[in-house]
Amino acid sequence: MVAGKKNNGPEPGSAAGGSGKAFSKTGEQAWSLEQVIAATGGKLASGNPDAIFSAVSTDSRSVANGALFVALRGDNFNGEKFCGDAVRLGAAGVLVTEVPEPPLDVPVIIVDDALQALGNLAAFRRAGMQNLTVLAITGSSGKTTVKEMVAAIFARRFKVIKTLGNFNNLIGLPLSLLPVDVSHQVAILEMGMNQPGEIARMAEIARPDIACINNVQSAHLQGLASIEGVAAAKGELFAGMKPDGILVVNLEDPLVRKLARQYGQQRITYGWRRQALVRGTYLYNRGENGFSFTLTIGKEKGRVRLQCVGRHNVLNALAAAALAHGVGISFDDICRGLAQFVSYDKRLQIEQVSGGLKVVNDTYNANPASMLAALETVKGLRRNQRSVAVLGDMLELGAEAGVAHRAIGEAVTRLEFDYLLACGSFAKEMVAAAREAGMGADRAVAFAGKDKIVTHLRQLEREGQIGPGDWLLVKGSRGLGMESVVAALQEEC
């Protein structure tokens, strides 16, 4: 950890092993069977006790030659059925909860719980990289964007390993961390959850040096019951920090502020208000070209041009700046890194499709706060053009789902969208609220499926109701697959 080393940043990693057994100093990911046993507490049922594994894999379809195959089990899958396939593709060993049948001609390691063992392997690897700086990010929305912004800052000068895509759960986080080797200086890890205890376990595995809870919003209420339940689950990250760790605190979120007050670690605050150490002021909306703002960190101040749209992304940039500052990155590198960041996949990406329509593709996921932020972003982009909200359900909201969808329908009208085209189980509630707020019945419509929405959009184009330069926001939870609407429109382009 290098907090306070101004303009310096992380140092190269150590090769010391987590149990006294050193990892390769050449930067390789190799594991000895002895290290696997030490990490997992497993037992060798059969095979060569001197085996070496090139990597760790959980996918029998893409297992690397010489890798250890960890056979995970879940409600809808059983990896132990595919041990033979993994070996045929080149796996040099398997980690399972039961001895496979028929017997395999590779080392077989038996553990009580394969998922726990996977996490323990990642924890062992992390412990063996004692000078690796680990940054952890969670939040109800924006965590992937913050992660990618931080990566853009660090990639200028350091070798970085980061969460792969959205691999932010109890399987994905270990798989993102396991490839770390002595050449890496920084690990940037995203942590998601939908049940209590998941982030606590990820913090135990990753042992972060600095951590940010970006926000606490109404998401995953089905598994967490209330916004207070969401806060408690996100708060597991701060609770799992070591005494010399650093907490990055969003002063604009009252629940994050409340969580941070429970702990005595050093804090770095960010937000719009004067008391924030990392502050954003003088925001200027550059339309499709993004936002510019003045970044202040302590006594340093400079202008930053973000290439991504949405005022909320300026707050995400402040979170990234706070994380980078906390481990000693220079102000200049922070500003330059943020300027190089571009919007991540399906997150407020602007695309032009058939008929010259401009689509804001925000189809990665949705909760009430991110849905409202996307609607407000399009309002700021459209100038004098017309706008259409193509919206799918927000999932996992439990008993609050009906109220939440009605609130979004009302917001579509309030923000003066010309059309609301909705699909999903709560489409009728959304549409009814939009109509009650004043949108015409011919403009707020619920559809049986996404293909029907595409057909209706084509009809609106033919009738001249929408045309070149007009805006479409397409958004919904991951389970709705709203990106297929964008894909259908792109095919005609």
Protein backbone atom coordinates (compact mmCIF):
# COMPACT_ATOMS: atom_id res chain seq x y z
CA MET A 1 0.00 0.00 0.00
CA VAL A 2 1.42 3.31 -0.98
CA ALA A 3 -1.08 5.91 0.25
CA GLY A 4 0.67 9.21 0.77
CA LYS A 5 3.53 8.51 -1.69
CA LYS A 6 2.75 11.44 -3.96
CA ASN A 7 3.36 10.97 -7.69
CA ASN A 8 4.69 7.50 -7.05
CA GLY A 9 2.03 4.81 -7.08
CA PRO A 10 2.22 1.05 -6.61
CA GLU A 11 5.44 -0.89 -6.51
CA PRO A 12 6.21 -4.20 -8.24
CA GLY A 13 4.74 -7.31 -6.56
CA SER A 14 6.45 -9.72 -4.25
CA ALA A 15 6.80 -13.42 -5.05
CA ALA A 16 6.32 -14.68 -1.50
CA GLY A 17 3.83 -17.57 -1.32
CA GLY A 18 0.81 -17.50 0.99
CA SER A 19 2.00 -20.53 2.96
CA GLY A 20 5.71 -20.04 2.62
CA LYS A 21 5.76 -21.71 -0.80
CA ALA A 22 6.93 -19.15 -3.37
CA PHE A 23 5.13 -18.61 -6.65
CA SER A 24 7.26 -18.45 -9.78
CA LYS A 25 9.39 -15.30 -9.98
CA THR A 26 9.09 -15.41 -13.75
CA GLY A 27 5.50 -14.18 -13.65
CA GLU A 28 3.93 -17.54 -14.51
CA GLN A 29 0.56 -18.61 -13.11
CA ALA A 30 1.69 -22.19 -12.40
CA TRP A 31 0.48 -24.05 -9.31
CA SER A 32 2.10 -27.03 -7.65
CA LEU A 33 -0.23 -29.69 -6.29
CA GLU A 34 1.25 -28.93 -2.87
CA GLN A 35 0.07 -25.32 -3.18
CA VAL A 36 -3.42 -26.40 -4.25
CA ILE A 37 -3.70 -28.68 -1.21
CA ALA A 38 -2.39 -25.93 1.09
CA ALA A 39 -4.86 -23.41 -0.31
CA THR A 40 -7.97 -25.59 -0.31
CA GLY A 41 -7.42 -28.13 2.46
CA GLY A 42 -8.25 -30.80 -0.11
CA LYS A 43 -6.99 -34.37 -0.28
CA LEU A 44 -5.29 -36.10 -3.18
CA ALA A 45 -7.47 -39.10 -4.05
CA SER A 46 -5.28 -40.30 -6.92
CA GLY A 47 -2.59 -39.17 -9.30
CA ASN A 48 0.91 -37.73 -9.29
CA PRO A 49 1.70 -35.77 -6.07
CA ASP A 50 4.35 -33.77 -7.94
CA ALA A 51 1.92 -32.44 -10.56
CA ILE A 52 2.13 -28.84 -11.76
CA PHE A 53 -0.89 -26.97 -13.12
CA SER A 54 -0.54 -24.15 -15.63
CA ALA A 55 -3.69 -22.30 -14.51
CA VAL A 56 -7.11 -22.76 -12.88
CA SER A 57 -10.31 -23.12 -14.93
CA THR A 58 -14.02 -23.73 -14.25
CA ASP A 59 -15.14 -24.14 -17.89
CA SER A 60 -14.66 -27.60 -19.35
CA ARG A 61 -15.22 -26.18 -22.85
CA SER A 62 -12.25 -23.81 -22.77
CA VAL A 63 -9.91 -25.30 -20.19
CA ALA A 64 -6.28 -24.45 -20.94
CA ASN A 65 -3.80 -27.23 -21.60
CA GLY A 66 -2.23 -28.28 -18.29
CA ALA A 67 -4.79 -26.44 -16.14
CA LEU A 68 -6.54 -27.58 -12.98
CA PHE A 69 -10.28 -27.98 -13.66
CA VAL A 70 -12.47 -26.92 -10.70
CA ALA A 71 -15.83 -28.67 -11.03
CA LEU A 72 -18.41 -26.27 -9.64
CA ARG A 73 -21.95 -27.24 -8.73
CA GLY A 74 -25.05 -25.05 -8.80
CA ASP A 75 -28.82 -25.24 -8.89
CA ASN A 76 -28.82 -25.76 -12.66
CA PHE A 77 -25.41 -27.28 -13.38
CA ASN A 78 -22.94 -29.89 -12.17
CA GLY A 79 -19.39 -29.44 -13.40
CA GLU A 80 -18.40 -32.89 -12.15
CA LYS A 81 -20.26 -34.38 -15.11
CA PHE A 82 -17.75 -32.72 -17.42
CA CYS A 83 -14.46 -33.76 -15.80
CA GLY A 84 -13.81 -36.27 -18.58
CA ASP A 85 -14.39 -33.59 -21.23
CA ALA A 86 -11.99 -31.25 -19.44
CA VAL A 87 -9.27 -33.91 -19.30
CA ARG A 88 -9.71 -34.72 -22.98
CA LEU A 89 -9.15 -31.04 -23.75
CA GLY A 90 -5.92 -31.02 -21.76
CA ALA A 91 -6.76 -30.50 -18.08
CA ALA A 92 -3.89 -31.84 -15.96
CA GLY A 93 -6.02 -32.38 -12.85
CA VAL A 94 -9.50 -31.99 -11.40
CA LEU A 95 -10.81 -30.58 -8.13
CA VAL A 96 -14.12 -32.20 -7.16
CA THR A 97 -16.33 -33.08 -4.19
CA GLU A 98 -16.68 -36.76 -5.21
CA VAL A 99 -14.33 -39.19 -6.96
CA PRO A 100 -15.32 -39.17 -10.66
CA GLU A 101 -16.59 -42.23 -12.46
CA PRO A 102 -15.06 -43.62 -14.56
CA PRO A 103 -11.61 -43.00 -12.98
CA LEU A 104 -9.40 -40.34 -14.54
CA ASP A 105 -5.72 -40.62 -15.38
CA VAL A 106 -4.86 -37.25 -13.78
CA PRO A 107 -4.59 -36.03 -10.17
CA VAL A 108 -7.99 -35.90 -8.46
CA ILE A 109 -8.30 -33.53 -5.48
CA ILE A 110 -11.31 -33.91 -3.17
CA VAL A 111 -12.75 -30.91 -1.30
CA ASP A 112 -15.93 -30.34 0.70
CA ASP A 113 -17.12 -27.36 -1.38
CA ALA A 114 -15.71 -26.55 -4.84
CA LEU A 115 -16.91 -22.91 -4.80
CA GLN A 116 -15.27 -22.33 -1.43
CA ALA A 117 -12.12 -23.98 -2.76
CA LEU A 118 -12.11 -21.72 -5.82
CA GLY A 119 -12.24 -18.68 -3.56
CA ASN A 120 -9.53 -20.12 -1.34
CA LEU A 121 -7.25 -20.59 -4.35
CA ALA A 122 -7.72 -16.93 -5.28
CA ALA A 123 -7.13 -15.85 -1.67
CA PHE A 124 -3.92 -17.91 -1.58
CA ARG A 125 -2.73 -16.31 -4.80
CA ARG A 126 -3.54 -12.82 -3.53
CA ALA A 127 -1.71 -13.51 -0.24
CA GLY A 128 1.32 -14.55 -2.25
CA MET A 129 1.50 -11.14 -3.93
CA GLN A 130 2.19 -9.09 -0.84
CA ASN A 131 3.00 -5.82 -2.62
CA LEU A 132 0.09 -5.99 -5.04
CA THR A 133 -2.23 -3.00 -4.54
CA VAL A 134 -5.87 -4.16 -4.57
CA LEU A 135 -8.74 -1.75 -5.21
CA ALA A 136 -12.32 -2.94 -4.64
CA ILE A 137 -15.50 -1.29 -5.94
CA THR A 138 -19.14 -2.04 -5.22
CA GLY A 139 -22.41 -0.16 -5.55
CA SER A 140 -25.93 -0.56 -6.87
CA SER A 141 -24.99 1.09 -10.17
CA GLY A 142 -21.92 2.46 -11.90
CA LYS A 143 -19.41 0.00 -10.44
CA THR A 144 -18.26 -1.33 -13.83
CA THR A 145 -17.89 2.22 -15.14
CA VAL A 146 -15.85 3.23 -12.08
CA LYS A 147 -13.70 0.10 -12.47
CA GLU A 148 -12.99 0.90 -16.11
CA MET A 149 -12.25 4.56 -15.32
CA VAL A 150 -9.77 3.49 -12.63
CA ALA A 151 -8.20 1.04 -15.07
CA ALA A 152 -7.81 3.84 -17.64
CA ILE A 153 -5.94 5.89 -15.04
CA PHE A 154 -3.61 3.11 -13.90
CA ALA A 155 -2.97 1.62 -17.34
CA ARG A 156 -0.92 4.69 -18.24
CA ARG A 157 1.98 3.58 -16.02
CA PHE A 158 1.32 0.23 -14.38
CA LYS A 159 0.58 -3.39 -15.25
CA VAL A 160 -3.03 -3.88 -14.21
CA ILE A 161 -5.27 -6.88 -13.71
CA LYS A 162 -8.99 -6.17 -13.43
CA THR A 163 -12.38 -7.82 -13.19
CA LEU A 164 -13.13 -9.54 -16.49
CA GLY A 165 -16.25 -7.97 -18.00
CA ASN A 166 -18.92 -8.32 -15.33
CA PHE A 167 -17.26 -11.23 -13.47
CA ASN A 168 -18.16 -9.70 -10.13
CA ASN A 169 -19.71 -12.56 -8.14
CA LEU A 170 -18.36 -15.44 -6.03
CA ILE A 171 -17.27 -17.27 -9.18
CA GLY A 172 -16.21 -14.31 -11.30
CA LEU A 173 -14.12 -12.48 -8.73
CA PRO A 174 -11.80 -15.44 -8.02
CA LEU A 175 -11.48 -16.10 -11.76
CA SER A 176 -10.52 -12.44 -12.27
CA LEU A 177 -7.93 -12.54 -9.48
CA LEU A 178 -6.41 -15.99 -10.10
CA PRO A 179 -4.33 -14.94 -13.17
CA VAL A 180 -2.39 -12.39 -11.09
CA ASP A 181 1.36 -12.92 -11.09
CA VAL A 182 4.43 -11.11 -9.82
CA SER A 183 4.50 -8.79 -12.81
CA HIS A 184 1.17 -7.20 -11.85
CA GLN A 185 1.24 -4.08 -9.71
CA VAL A 186 -2.47 -3.28 -9.37
CA ALA A 187 -5.68 -5.34 -9.18
CA ILE A 188 -8.97 -3.50 -9.75
CA LEU A 189 -11.87 -5.67 -8.62
CA GLU A 190 -15.61 -5.16 -8.97
CA MET A 191 -17.92 -6.78 -6.40
CA GLY A 192 -21.61 -7.42 -7.03
CA MET A 193 -24.18 -9.32 -5.03
CA ASN A 194 -27.84 -10.23 -4.63
CA GLN A 195 -27.68 -11.95 -1.23
CA PRO A 196 -26.17 -11.08 2.17
CA GLY A 197 -22.70 -12.45 2.82
CA GLU A 198 -21.45 -12.46 -0.77
CA ILE A 199 -19.42 -9.25 -0.59
CA ALA A 200 -18.06 -10.25 2.83
CA ARG A 201 -16.66 -13.41 1.23
CA MET A 202 -15.22 -11.49 -1.73
CA ALA A 203 -13.53 -9.02 0.62
CA GLU A 204 -12.08 -11.98 2.52
CA ILE A 205 -10.64 -13.34 -0.72
CA ALA A 206 -9.32 -10.08 -2.17
CA ARG A 207 -8.14 -8.31 1.02
CA PRO A 208 -8.46 -4.84 -0.56
CA ASP A 209 -6.13 -1.99 0.31
CA ILE A 210 -8.69 0.64 -0.69
CA ALA A 211 -12.42 0.24 -1.26
CA CYS A 212 -15.30 2.31 -2.64
CA ILE A 213 -19.05 1.87 -2.15
CA ASN A 214 -20.23 3.99 -5.07
CA ASN A 215 -23.89 4.17 -4.03
CA VAL A 216 -26.76 2.32 -2.35
CA GLN A 217 -29.96 2.17 -4.41
CA SER A 218 -33.13 0.11 -4.77
CA ALA A 219 -31.70 -2.96 -6.49
CA HIS A 220 -31.87 -6.69 -5.66
CA LEU A 221 -34.73 -5.99 -3.22
CA GLN A 222 -36.10 -9.45 -3.89
CA GLY A 223 -33.14 -11.01 -2.12
CA LEU A 224 -32.44 -8.18 0.35
CA ALA A 225 -36.00 -7.07 1.27
CA SER A 226 -35.34 -3.33 1.69
CA ILE A 227 -32.97 -0.48 0.90
CA GLU A 228 -31.54 -0.98 4.40
CA GLY A 229 -30.83 -4.60 3.43
CA VAL A 230 -29.01 -3.39 0.32
CA ALA A 231 -26.96 -0.98 2.46
CA ALA A 232 -26.02 -3.73 4.91
CA ALA A 233 -24.92 -6.04 2.08
CA LYS A 234 -22.86 -3.32 0.38
CA GLY A 235 -21.46 -2.33 3.76
CA GLU A 236 -19.80 -5.73 4.06
CA LEU A 237 -17.00 -4.29 1.93
CA PHE A 238 -16.14 -1.59 4.46
CA ALA A 239 -16.61 -4.09 7.30
CA GLY A 240 -14.06 -6.41 5.67
CA MET A 241 -11.33 -3.80 5.33
CA LYS A 242 -8.10 -4.21 7.29
CA PRO A 243 -7.21 -1.53 9.88
CA ASP A 244 -4.74 0.25 7.57
CA GLY A 245 -7.12 0.18 4.60
CA ILE A 246 -8.71 3.26 3.05
CA LEU A 247 -12.45 3.86 2.60
CA VAL A 248 -13.60 5.92 -0.40
CA VAL A 249 -16.88 7.59 0.55
CA ASN A 250 -19.54 9.15 -1.69
CA LEU A 251 -20.75 12.20 0.26
CA GLU A 252 -23.77 12.50 -2.06
CA ASP A 253 -25.21 9.20 -0.82
CA PRO A 254 -26.57 9.38 2.75
CA LEU A 255 -26.53 5.62 3.20
CA VAL A 256 -22.85 5.40 2.17
CA ARG A 257 -22.02 8.23 4.58
CA LYS A 258 -23.82 6.37 7.36
CA LEU A 259 -21.96 3.13 6.59
CA ALA A 260 -18.56 4.87 6.65
CA ARG A 261 -19.18 6.42 10.07
CA GLN A 262 -19.09 2.96 11.64
CA TYR A 263 -15.41 2.44 10.84
CA GLY A 264 -12.16 4.07 11.89
CA GLN A 265 -10.05 3.62 8.76
CA GLN A 266 -8.71 6.57 6.81
CA ARG A 267 -11.34 8.05 4.48
CA ILE A 268 -11.21 9.81 1.15
CA THR A 269 -14.45 11.62 0.35
CA TYR A 270 -15.83 12.68 -3.02
CA GLY A 271 -18.84 14.52 -4.36
CA TRP A 272 -20.15 17.97 -5.24
CA ARG A 273 -20.01 19.58 -1.81
CA ARG A 274 -17.19 21.72 -0.43
CA GLN A 275 -16.14 19.31 2.32
CA ALA A 276 -15.32 16.57 -0.22
CA LEU A 277 -11.58 16.03 -0.71
CA VAL A 278 -12.23 15.04 -4.34
CA ARG A 279 -14.76 17.43 -5.82
CA GLY A 280 -16.40 18.20 -9.16
CA THR A 281 -17.53 21.73 -10.03
CA TYR A 282 -18.40 23.85 -13.08
CA LEU A 283 -19.97 21.00 -15.04
CA TYR A 284 -20.58 21.64 -18.72
CA ASN A 285 -22.76 19.36 -20.84
CA ARG A 286 -21.06 18.91 -24.23
CA GLY A 287 -23.98 16.90 -25.64
CA GLU A 288 -22.94 13.81 -27.53
CA ASN A 289 -19.29 14.65 -26.81
CA GLY A 290 -19.71 14.10 -23.07
CA PHE A 291 -19.11 16.36 -20.08
CA SER A 292 -16.34 18.63 -18.92
CA PHE A 293 -15.82 19.65 -15.31
CA THR A 294 -13.29 21.06 -12.90
CA LEU A 295 -11.66 18.36 -10.77
CA THR A 296 -10.36 19.46 -7.39
CA ILE A 297 -8.28 17.17 -5.15
CA GLY A 298 -7.16 19.01 -2.06
CA LYS A 299 -5.31 22.06 -3.34
CA GLU A 300 -4.88 20.77 -6.90
CA LYS A 301 -7.35 21.78 -9.58
CA GLY A 302 -7.74 21.12 -13.30
CA ARG A 303 -10.22 20.77 -16.14
CA VAL A 304 -11.28 17.26 -17.27
CA ARG A 305 -13.09 16.37 -20.49
CA LEU A 306 -15.03 13.11 -20.20
CA GLN A 307 -15.94 11.33 -23.41
CA CYS A 308 -19.05 9.74 -21.86
CA VAL A 309 -22.51 11.26 -21.51
CA GLY A 310 -24.57 11.61 -18.32
CA ARG A 311 -24.08 13.86 -15.30
CA HIS A 312 -23.95 10.79 -13.07
CA ASN A 313 -20.81 9.70 -14.93
CA VAL A 314 -19.05 12.79 -13.60
CA LEU A 315 -19.75 11.44 -10.10
CA ASN A 316 -18.41 8.06 -11.22
CA ALA A 317 -15.27 9.87 -12.42
CA LEU A 318 -14.89 11.47 -8.99
CA ALA A 319 -15.05 8.00 -7.40
CA ALA A 320 -12.32 6.79 -9.76
CA ALA A 321 -10.20 9.87 -9.02
CA ALA A 322 -10.59 9.30 -5.28
CA LEU A 323 -9.48 5.67 -5.57
CA ALA A 324 -6.44 6.61 -7.67
CA HIS A 325 -5.51 9.47 -5.34
CA GLY A 326 -5.75 7.11 -2.38
CA VAL A 327 -2.86 5.02 -3.70
CA GLY A 328 -0.66 7.94 -4.69
CA ILE A 329 -1.39 8.50 -8.38
CA SER A 330 -0.49 12.01 -9.53
CA PHE A 331 -3.18 14.59 -10.27
CA ASP A 332 -1.99 14.88 -13.87
CA ASP A 333 -2.21 11.13 -14.47
CA ILE A 334 -5.71 11.07 -12.98
CA CYS A 335 -6.91 13.84 -15.32
CA ARG A 336 -5.30 12.26 -18.39
CA GLY A 337 -6.63 8.79 -17.57
CA LEU A 338 -10.20 10.04 -17.14
CA ALA A 339 -9.97 11.89 -20.46
CA GLN A 340 -9.02 8.63 -22.19
CA PHE A 341 -11.94 6.63 -20.81
CA VAL A 342 -14.73 5.71 -23.24
CA SER A 343 -18.15 4.29 -22.37
CA TYR A 344 -18.15 0.58 -21.60
CA ASP A 345 -20.24 -1.99 -23.44
CA LYS A 346 -24.02 -1.25 -23.44
CA ARG A 347 -23.68 1.59 -20.94
CA LEU A 348 -25.03 4.83 -22.42
CA GLN A 349 -23.35 4.08 -25.74
CA ILE A 350 -24.54 6.33 -28.57
CA GLU A 351 -25.11 4.54 -31.86
CA GLN A 352 -26.73 5.60 -35.13
CA VAL A 353 -29.19 3.13 -36.68
CA SER A 354 -31.67 2.91 -39.54
CA GLY A 355 -33.32 6.13 -40.63
CA GLY A 356 -30.65 8.25 -38.94
CA LEU A 357 -32.07 7.63 -35.47
CA LYS A 358 -29.64 8.05 -32.58
CA VAL A 359 -29.83 5.24 -30.03
CA VAL A 360 -28.60 5.49 -26.47
CA ASN A 361 -27.82 1.83 -25.80
CA ASP A 362 -28.01 1.38 -22.03
CA THR A 363 -29.17 -2.21 -22.13
CA TYR A 364 -26.63 -3.78 -19.78
CA ASN A 365 -28.87 -3.59 -16.71
CA ALA A 366 -31.44 -1.44 -14.91
CA ASN A 367 -32.70 -0.39 -11.50
CA PRO A 368 -34.90 2.61 -10.62
CA ALA A 369 -31.99 5.00 -10.07
CA SER A 370 -30.07 4.04 -13.21
CA MET A 371 -33.28 4.12 -15.27
CA LEU A 372 -34.02 7.66 -14.11
CA ALA A 373 -30.41 8.73 -14.76
CA ALA A 374 -30.63 7.38 -18.33
CA LEU A 375 -33.91 9.22 -18.97
CA GLU A 376 -32.41 12.47 -17.68
CA THR A 377 -29.32 11.93 -19.83
CA VAL A 378 -31.38 11.63 -23.00
CA LYS A 379 -33.37 14.72 -22.05
CA GLY A 380 -30.06 16.60 -21.90
CA LEU A 381 -28.96 15.23 -25.28
CA ARG A 382 -32.02 15.69 -27.44
CA ARG A 383 -32.08 19.51 -27.77
CA ASN A 384 -35.07 20.11 -30.11
CA GLN A 385 -35.34 16.55 -31.42
CA ARG A 386 -38.00 14.02 -30.53
CA SER A 387 -37.29 11.21 -28.06
CA VAL A 388 -38.56 7.68 -27.51
CA ALA A 389 -38.11 5.58 -24.36
CA VAL A 390 -37.95 1.86 -25.19
CA LEU A 391 -37.99 0.25 -21.77
CA GLY A 392 -38.07 -3.28 -20.35
CA ASP A 393 -38.66 -4.48 -16.82
CA MET A 394 -36.40 -3.74 -13.87
CA LEU A 395 -35.94 -7.14 -12.22
CA GLU A 396 -35.42 -8.31 -8.62
CA LEU A 397 -37.38 -5.47 -7.00
CA GLY A 398 -39.67 -7.74 -4.98
CA ALA A 399 -42.74 -6.11 -3.45
CA GLU A 400 -41.60 -2.67 -4.64
CA ALA A 401 -41.68 -3.61 -8.33
CA GLY A 402 -45.11 -2.18 -9.17
CA VAL A 403 -44.48 1.16 -7.48
CA ALA A 404 -41.00 1.43 -9.04
CA HIS A 405 -42.24 0.82 -12.58
CA ARG A 406 -45.08 3.30 -12.18
CA ALA A 407 -42.57 5.91 -11.01
CA ILE A 408 -40.54 5.40 -14.17
CA GLY A 409 -43.66 5.70 -16.34
CA GLU A 410 -44.49 9.01 -14.67
CA ALA A 411 -40.89 10.19 -15.16
CA VAL A 412 -41.04 9.47 -18.90
CA THR A 413 -43.94 11.90 -19.21
CA ARG A 414 -42.45 14.45 -16.82
CA LEU A 415 -39.20 14.51 -18.79
CA GLU A 416 -41.21 15.19 -21.95
CA PHE A 417 -40.47 12.08 -23.97
CA ASP A 418 -42.62 11.81 -27.07
CA TYR A 419 -43.18 8.06 -26.80
CA LEU A 420 -42.94 5.25 -24.26
CA LEU A 421 -42.74 1.76 -25.77
CA ALA A 422 -42.54 -0.85 -23.02
CA CYS A 423 -42.38 -4.63 -22.73
CA GLY A 424 -42.16 -7.08 -19.86
CA SER A 425 -44.30 -8.13 -16.93
CA PHE A 426 -44.62 -4.55 -15.64
CA ALA A 427 -45.02 -2.81 -18.99
CA LYS A 428 -48.73 -2.13 -18.40
CA GLU A 429 -48.04 -0.49 -15.02
CA MET A 430 -45.35 1.72 -16.57
CA VAL A 431 -47.59 2.72 -19.45
CA ALA A 432 -50.61 3.37 -17.23
CA ALA A 433 -48.58 5.77 -15.08
CA ALA A 434 -47.29 7.61 -18.17
CA ARG A 435 -50.83 8.05 -19.44
CA GLU A 436 -52.10 9.22 -16.06
CA ALA A 437 -49.32 11.83 -16.06
CA GLY A 438 -50.54 13.17 -19.41
CA MET A 439 -49.00 11.12 -22.25
CA GLY A 440 -51.49 10.14 -24.94
CA ALA A 441 -52.69 6.56 -25.20
CA ASP A 442 -51.28 6.31 -28.73
CA ARG A 443 -47.85 7.38 -27.47
CA ALA A 444 -47.53 5.23 -24.33
CA VAL A 445 -47.94 1.61 -25.42
CA ALA A 446 -47.23 -1.79 -23.85
CA PHE A 447 -46.10 -4.57 -26.19
CA ALA A 448 -46.10 -8.35 -25.93
CA GLY A 449 -42.46 -8.59 -27.00
CA LYS A 450 -39.39 -6.76 -28.25
CA ASP A 451 -40.04 -7.71 -31.86
CA LYS A 452 -43.38 -5.90 -31.68
CA ILE A 453 -41.57 -2.77 -30.48
CA VAL A 454 -39.20 -2.91 -33.46
CA THR A 455 -42.18 -3.25 -35.82
CA HIS A 456 -43.85 -0.25 -34.20
CA LEU A 457 -40.69 1.85 -34.47
CA ARG A 458 -40.53 1.09 -38.19
CA GLN A 459 -44.16 2.17 -38.52
CA LEU A 460 -43.44 5.44 -36.69
CA GLU A 461 -40.57 6.06 -39.12
CA ARG A 462 -42.75 5.38 -42.17
CA GLU A 463 -45.38 7.78 -40.83
CA GLY A 464 -42.78 10.47 -40.19
CA GLN A 465 -43.46 10.50 -36.45
CA ILE A 466 -39.76 9.93 -35.79
CA GLY A 467 -36.83 10.44 -38.12
CA PRO A 468 -33.19 11.46 -38.60
CA GLY A 469 -31.63 13.02 -35.52
CA ASP A 470 -34.34 11.83 -33.11
CA TRP A 471 -33.33 9.92 -29.99
CA LEU A 472 -34.15 6.42 -28.72
CA LEU A 473 -33.25 5.29 -25.23
CA VAL A 474 -33.21 1.48 -24.98
CA LYS A 475 -32.89 0.11 -21.46
CA GLY A 476 -33.97 -2.76 -19.21
CA SER A 477 -32.60 -5.36 -16.84
CA ARG A 478 -30.13 -7.94 -18.14
CA GLY A 479 -32.77 -10.65 -18.16
CA LEU A 480 -34.85 -8.75 -20.71
CA GLY A 481 -32.11 -8.75 -23.37
CA MET A 482 -33.13 -5.32 -24.65
CA GLU A 483 -29.96 -5.15 -26.78
CA SER A 484 -31.84 -7.24 -29.37
CA VAL A 485 -33.93 -4.13 -30.16
CA VAL A 486 -30.74 -2.22 -30.95
CA ALA A 487 -29.38 -5.14 -32.98
CA ALA A 488 -32.57 -5.33 -35.06
CA LEU A 489 -32.36 -1.61 -35.84
CA GLN A 490 -28.66 -1.87 -36.68
CA GLU A 491 -29.31 -4.66 -39.20
CA GLU A 492 -31.29 -2.22 -41.30
CA CYS A 493 -28.66 0.50 -41.10
